[in-house]
């Protein structure tokens, strides 16, 4: 019999819970900033013309992620396309769930998917800017924490 992990209101097969490892996504906890108000964590220059230079990772996604962040400034209800690379499983975990790591740049998700031994799929959905949080480690990586 396979072990089952419990997270929130969702039962997750053990092999999927193991995939999350110990690195948990940022959430609305007072230590993270919502996508629509990054100045809770970042300096004002995150909204400047030099933001790609200052906060990018030197990837193809830098201009895209910064443009999305800047467009969402002070717009908590703005809908943002989010993406997640995940192992090809099905069932309740087949999609984006609260607490998941997500990205706002599809090529970034593809890059992470390739790290899953080539066996992955990209799932996508729309989320409010007020439901996406960063801990400041990467402008491309967000925690999905809906109300």
C-alpha atoms as a PDB file:
ATOM      1  CA  UNK A   1       0.000   0.000   0.000  1.00  0.00           C
ATOM      2  CA  UNK A   2       1.328   3.427  -0.954  1.00  0.00           C
ATOM      3  CA  UNK A   3       1.813   6.111   1.647  1.00  0.00           C
ATOM      4  CA  UNK A   4      -0.449   9.160   1.408  1.00  0.00           C
ATOM      5  CA  UNK A   5       0.593  12.640   2.514  1.00  0.00           C
ATOM      6  CA  UNK A   6      -1.979  15.196   3.618  1.00  0.00           C
ATOM      7  CA  UNK A   7      -1.603  18.864   2.725  1.00  0.00           C
ATOM      8  CA  UNK A   8      -4.511  21.207   3.309  1.00  0.00           C
ATOM      9  CA  UNK A   9      -7.700  19.627   2.009  1.00  0.00           C
ATOM     10  CA  UNK A  10      -5.909  17.554  -0.623  1.00  0.00           C
ATOM     11  CA  UNK A  11      -4.614  14.005  -0.271  1.00  0.00           C
ATOM     12  CA  UNK A  12      -1.391  13.626  -2.208  1.00  0.00           C
ATOM     13  CA  UNK A  13       0.261  10.341  -3.233  1.00  0.00           C
ATOM     14  CA  UNK A  14       3.591   9.955  -1.431  1.00  0.00           C
ATOM     15  CA  UNK A  15       5.643  10.022  -4.643  1.00  0.00           C
ATOM     16  CA  UNK A  16       4.162  13.430  -5.495  1.00  0.00           C
ATOM     17  CA  UNK A  17       4.691  14.784  -1.977  1.00  0.00           C
ATOM     18  CA  UNK A  18       8.303  13.600  -2.212  1.00  0.00           C
ATOM     19  CA  UNK A  19       8.603  15.677  -5.389  1.00  0.00           C
ATOM     20  CA  UNK A  20       7.968  18.827  -3.312  1.00  0.00           C
ATOM     21  CA  UNK A  21      11.013  17.972  -1.194  1.00  0.00           C
ATOM     22  CA  UNK A  22      11.646  20.361   1.717  1.00  0.00           C
ATOM     23  CA  UNK A  23      11.772  23.616  -0.250  1.00  0.00           C
ATOM     24  CA  UNK A  24       8.282  25.042   0.258  1.00  0.00           C
ATOM     25  CA  UNK A  25       6.743  27.815  -1.807  1.00  0.00           C
ATOM     26  CA  UNK A  26       6.260  31.304  -0.354  1.00  0.00           C
ATOM     27  CA  UNK A  27       2.791  32.116   0.922  1.00  0.00           C
ATOM     28  CA  UNK A  28       0.829  34.912   2.569  1.00  0.00           C
ATOM     29  CA  UNK A  29       2.752  34.670   5.812  1.00  0.00           C
ATOM     30  CA  UNK A  30       4.051  38.196   6.428  1.00  0.00           C
ATOM     31  CA  UNK A  31       7.522  37.251   5.166  1.00  0.00           C
ATOM     32  CA  UNK A  32       6.700  37.183   1.452  1.00  0.00           C
ATOM     33  CA  UNK A  33       5.504  39.834  -0.992  1.00  0.00           C
ATOM     34  CA  UNK A  34       2.479  39.510  -3.279  1.00  0.00           C
ATOM     35  CA  UNK A  35       3.134  39.874  -7.004  1.00  0.00           C
ATOM     36  CA  UNK A  36       1.073  43.058  -7.174  1.00  0.00           C
ATOM     37  CA  UNK A  37       3.033  44.812  -4.383  1.00  0.00           C
ATOM     38  CA  UNK A  38       6.676  43.800  -4.542  1.00  0.00           C
ATOM     39  CA  UNK A  39       7.829  46.816  -2.540  1.00  0.00           C
ATOM     40  CA  UNK A  40       6.866  44.832   0.565  1.00  0.00           C
ATOM     41  CA  UNK A  41      10.153  42.997  -0.075  1.00  0.00           C
ATOM     42  CA  UNK A  42      12.038  44.660  -2.931  1.00  0.00           C
ATOM     43  CA  UNK A  43      13.272  48.258  -3.320  1.00  0.00           C
ATOM     44  CA  UNK A  44      11.245  50.595  -5.582  1.00  0.00           C
ATOM     45  CA  UNK A  45      13.676  49.978  -8.438  1.00  0.00           C
ATOM     46  CA  UNK A  46      11.961  46.649  -9.116  1.00  0.00           C
ATOM     47  CA  UNK A  47       9.523  48.853 -11.053  1.00  0.00           C
ATOM     48  CA  UNK A  48      12.265  50.755 -12.884  1.00  0.00           C
ATOM     49  CA  UNK A  49      13.678  50.413 -16.400  1.00  0.00           C
ATOM     50  CA  UNK A  50      16.715  48.679 -14.852  1.00  0.00           C
ATOM     51  CA  UNK A  51      14.730  45.932 -13.130  1.00  0.00           C
ATOM     52  CA  UNK A  52      15.777  43.274 -15.649  1.00  0.00           C
ATOM     53  CA  UNK A  53      19.416  44.133 -15.010  1.00  0.00           C
ATOM     54  CA  UNK A  54      19.003  44.224 -11.224  1.00  0.00           C
ATOM     55  CA  UNK A  55      16.626  41.300 -10.630  1.00  0.00           C
ATOM     56  CA  UNK A  56      16.893  39.028 -13.657  1.00  0.00           C
ATOM     57  CA  UNK A  57      18.700  35.695 -13.784  1.00  0.00           C
ATOM     58  CA  UNK A  58      20.168  36.348 -17.242  1.00  0.00           C
ATOM     59  CA  UNK A  59      17.597  34.075 -18.869  1.00  0.00           C
ATOM     60  CA  UNK A  60      15.143  34.493 -21.720  1.00  0.00           C
ATOM     61  CA  UNK A  61      12.413  34.922 -19.099  1.00  0.00           C
ATOM     62  CA  UNK A  62      13.849  38.037 -17.451  1.00  0.00           C
ATOM     63  CA  UNK A  63      12.114  40.652 -19.648  1.00  0.00           C
ATOM     64  CA  UNK A  64       8.834  38.687 -19.637  1.00  0.00           C
ATOM     65  CA  UNK A  65       8.669  38.200 -15.867  1.00  0.00           C
ATOM     66  CA  UNK A  66       9.642  41.801 -15.132  1.00  0.00           C
ATOM     67  CA  UNK A  67       7.038  43.095 -17.625  1.00  0.00           C
ATOM     68  CA  UNK A  68       4.324  41.010 -15.945  1.00  0.00           C
ATOM     69  CA  UNK A  69       5.355  42.161 -12.465  1.00  0.00           C
ATOM     70  CA  UNK A  70       5.418  45.788 -13.559  1.00  0.00           C
ATOM     71  CA  UNK A  71       2.039  45.538 -15.331  1.00  0.00           C
ATOM     72  CA  UNK A  72       0.481  44.045 -12.188  1.00  0.00           C
ATOM     73  CA  UNK A  73       1.727  46.816  -9.868  1.00  0.00           C
ATOM     74  CA  UNK A  74      -1.146  47.939  -7.605  1.00  0.00           C
ATOM     75  CA  UNK A  75      -3.564  45.564  -9.405  1.00  0.00           C
ATOM     76  CA  UNK A  76      -4.280  42.717  -6.985  1.00  0.00           C
ATOM     77  CA  UNK A  77      -7.147  41.372  -9.133  1.00  0.00           C
ATOM     78  CA  UNK A  78      -5.121  41.213 -12.356  1.00  0.00           C
ATOM     79  CA  UNK A  79      -5.182  37.701 -13.811  1.00  0.00           C
ATOM     80  CA  UNK A  80      -1.764  36.218 -14.445  1.00  0.00           C
ATOM     81  CA  UNK A  81      -1.016  33.049 -16.416  1.00  0.00           C
ATOM     82  CA  UNK A  82       0.944  30.680 -14.197  1.00  0.00           C
ATOM     83  CA  UNK A  83       2.794  27.510 -15.141  1.00  0.00           C
ATOM     84  CA  UNK A  84       4.178  24.494 -13.346  1.00  0.00           C
ATOM     85  CA  UNK A  85       6.298  21.581 -14.480  1.00  0.00           C
ATOM     86  CA  UNK A  86       5.307  18.365 -12.793  1.00  0.00           C
ATOM     87  CA  UNK A  87       5.721  14.622 -13.133  1.00  0.00           C
ATOM     88  CA  UNK A  88       3.052  13.070 -15.391  1.00  0.00           C
ATOM     89  CA  UNK A  89       0.623  11.882 -12.701  1.00  0.00           C
ATOM     90  CA  UNK A  90      -3.145  12.008 -12.724  1.00  0.00           C
ATOM     91  CA  UNK A  91      -5.890  12.412 -10.198  1.00  0.00           C
ATOM     92  CA  UNK A  92      -6.355  15.107  -7.573  1.00  0.00           C
ATOM     93  CA  UNK A  93      -2.796  16.358  -7.996  1.00  0.00           C
ATOM     94  CA  UNK A  94      -3.229  16.812 -11.752  1.00  0.00           C
ATOM     95  CA  UNK A  95      -2.972  20.600 -11.862  1.00  0.00           C
ATOM     96  CA  UNK A  96      -1.850  23.551  -9.807  1.00  0.00           C
ATOM     97  CA  UNK A  97      -2.729  23.326  -6.134  1.00  0.00           C
ATOM     98  CA  UNK A  98      -2.443  25.772  -3.223  1.00  0.00           C
ATOM     99  CA  UNK A  99       1.102  25.715  -1.901  1.00  0.00           C
ATOM    100  CA  UNK A 100       2.692  24.843  -5.252  1.00  0.00           C
ATOM    101  CA  UNK A 101       5.702  26.550  -6.752  1.00  0.00           C
ATOM    102  CA  UNK A 102       4.737  28.220 -10.025  1.00  0.00           C
ATOM    103  CA  UNK A 103       6.286  30.535 -12.584  1.00  0.00           C
ATOM    104  CA  UNK A 104       4.873  33.357 -14.668  1.00  0.00           C
ATOM    105  CA  UNK A 105       7.142  32.456 -17.617  1.00  0.00           C
ATOM    106  CA  UNK A 106       6.366  29.245 -19.529  1.00  0.00           C
ATOM    107  CA  UNK A 107       9.954  28.670 -20.791  1.00  0.00           C
ATOM    108  CA  UNK A 108      11.091  28.715 -17.152  1.00  0.00           C
ATOM    109  CA  UNK A 109       8.650  25.884 -16.383  1.00  0.00           C
ATOM    110  CA  UNK A 110       9.920  23.927 -19.386  1.00  0.00           C
ATOM    111  CA  UNK A 111      13.503  24.353 -18.170  1.00  0.00           C
ATOM    112  CA  UNK A 112      12.534  22.943 -14.766  1.00  0.00           C
ATOM    113  CA  UNK A 113      10.572  20.130 -16.379  1.00  0.00           C
ATOM    114  CA  UNK A 114      13.651  18.964 -18.246  1.00  0.00           C
ATOM    115  CA  UNK A 115      15.245  18.423 -14.850  1.00  0.00           C
ATOM    116  CA  UNK A 116      12.607  15.779 -14.067  1.00  0.00           C
ATOM    117  CA  UNK A 117      14.455  13.155 -16.119  1.00  0.00           C
ATOM    118  CA  UNK A 118      12.575  14.281 -19.230  1.00  0.00           C
ATOM    119  CA  UNK A 119       9.272  12.967 -17.878  1.00  0.00           C
ATOM    120  CA  UNK A 120       7.098  15.983 -17.200  1.00  0.00           C
ATOM    121  CA  UNK A 121       4.127  17.995 -18.281  1.00  0.00           C
ATOM    122  CA  UNK A 122       3.416  21.699 -18.018  1.00  0.00           C
ATOM    123  CA  UNK A 123       0.151  22.656 -16.347  1.00  0.00           C
ATOM    124  CA  UNK A 124      -1.237  26.165 -16.556  1.00  0.00           C
ATOM    125  CA  UNK A 125      -4.044  28.285 -15.181  1.00  0.00           C
ATOM    126  CA  UNK A 126      -4.925  31.905 -14.420  1.00  0.00           C
ATOM    127  CA  UNK A 127      -4.427  33.287 -10.913  1.00  0.00           C
ATOM    128  CA  UNK A 128      -4.943  36.674  -9.310  1.00  0.00           C
ATOM    129  CA  UNK A 129      -1.817  38.706  -8.647  1.00  0.00           C
ATOM    130  CA  UNK A 130      -2.919  38.759  -4.991  1.00  0.00           C
ATOM    131  CA  UNK A 131      -2.573  34.940  -4.833  1.00  0.00           C
ATOM    132  CA  UNK A 132       1.071  34.811  -5.956  1.00  0.00           C
ATOM    133  CA  UNK A 133       3.923  35.363  -3.497  1.00  0.00           C
ATOM    134  CA  UNK A 134       7.703  35.643  -3.639  1.00  0.00           C
ATOM    135  CA  UNK A 135      10.355  35.309  -0.975  1.00  0.00           C
ATOM    136  CA  UNK A 136      12.736  37.360  -3.119  1.00  0.00           C
ATOM    137  CA  UNK A 137      14.911  34.506  -4.392  1.00  0.00           C
ATOM    138  CA  UNK A 138      13.864  34.741  -8.047  1.00  0.00           C
ATOM    139  CA  UNK A 139      11.611  37.028 -10.052  1.00  0.00           C
ATOM    140  CA  UNK A 140      10.458  33.891 -11.896  1.00  0.00           C
ATOM    141  CA  UNK A 141       9.448  31.707  -8.931  1.00  0.00           C
ATOM    142  CA  UNK A 142       6.209  32.222  -7.028  1.00  0.00           C
ATOM    143  CA  UNK A 143       4.119  30.461  -4.456  1.00  0.00           C
ATOM    144  CA  UNK A 144       0.445  29.984  -5.276  1.00  0.00           C
ATOM    145  CA  UNK A 145      -1.590  30.743  -2.145  1.00  0.00           C
ATOM    146  CA  UNK A 146      -5.229  31.579  -2.976  1.00  0.00           C
ATOM    147  CA  UNK A 147      -7.698  32.716  -0.352  1.00  0.00           C
END
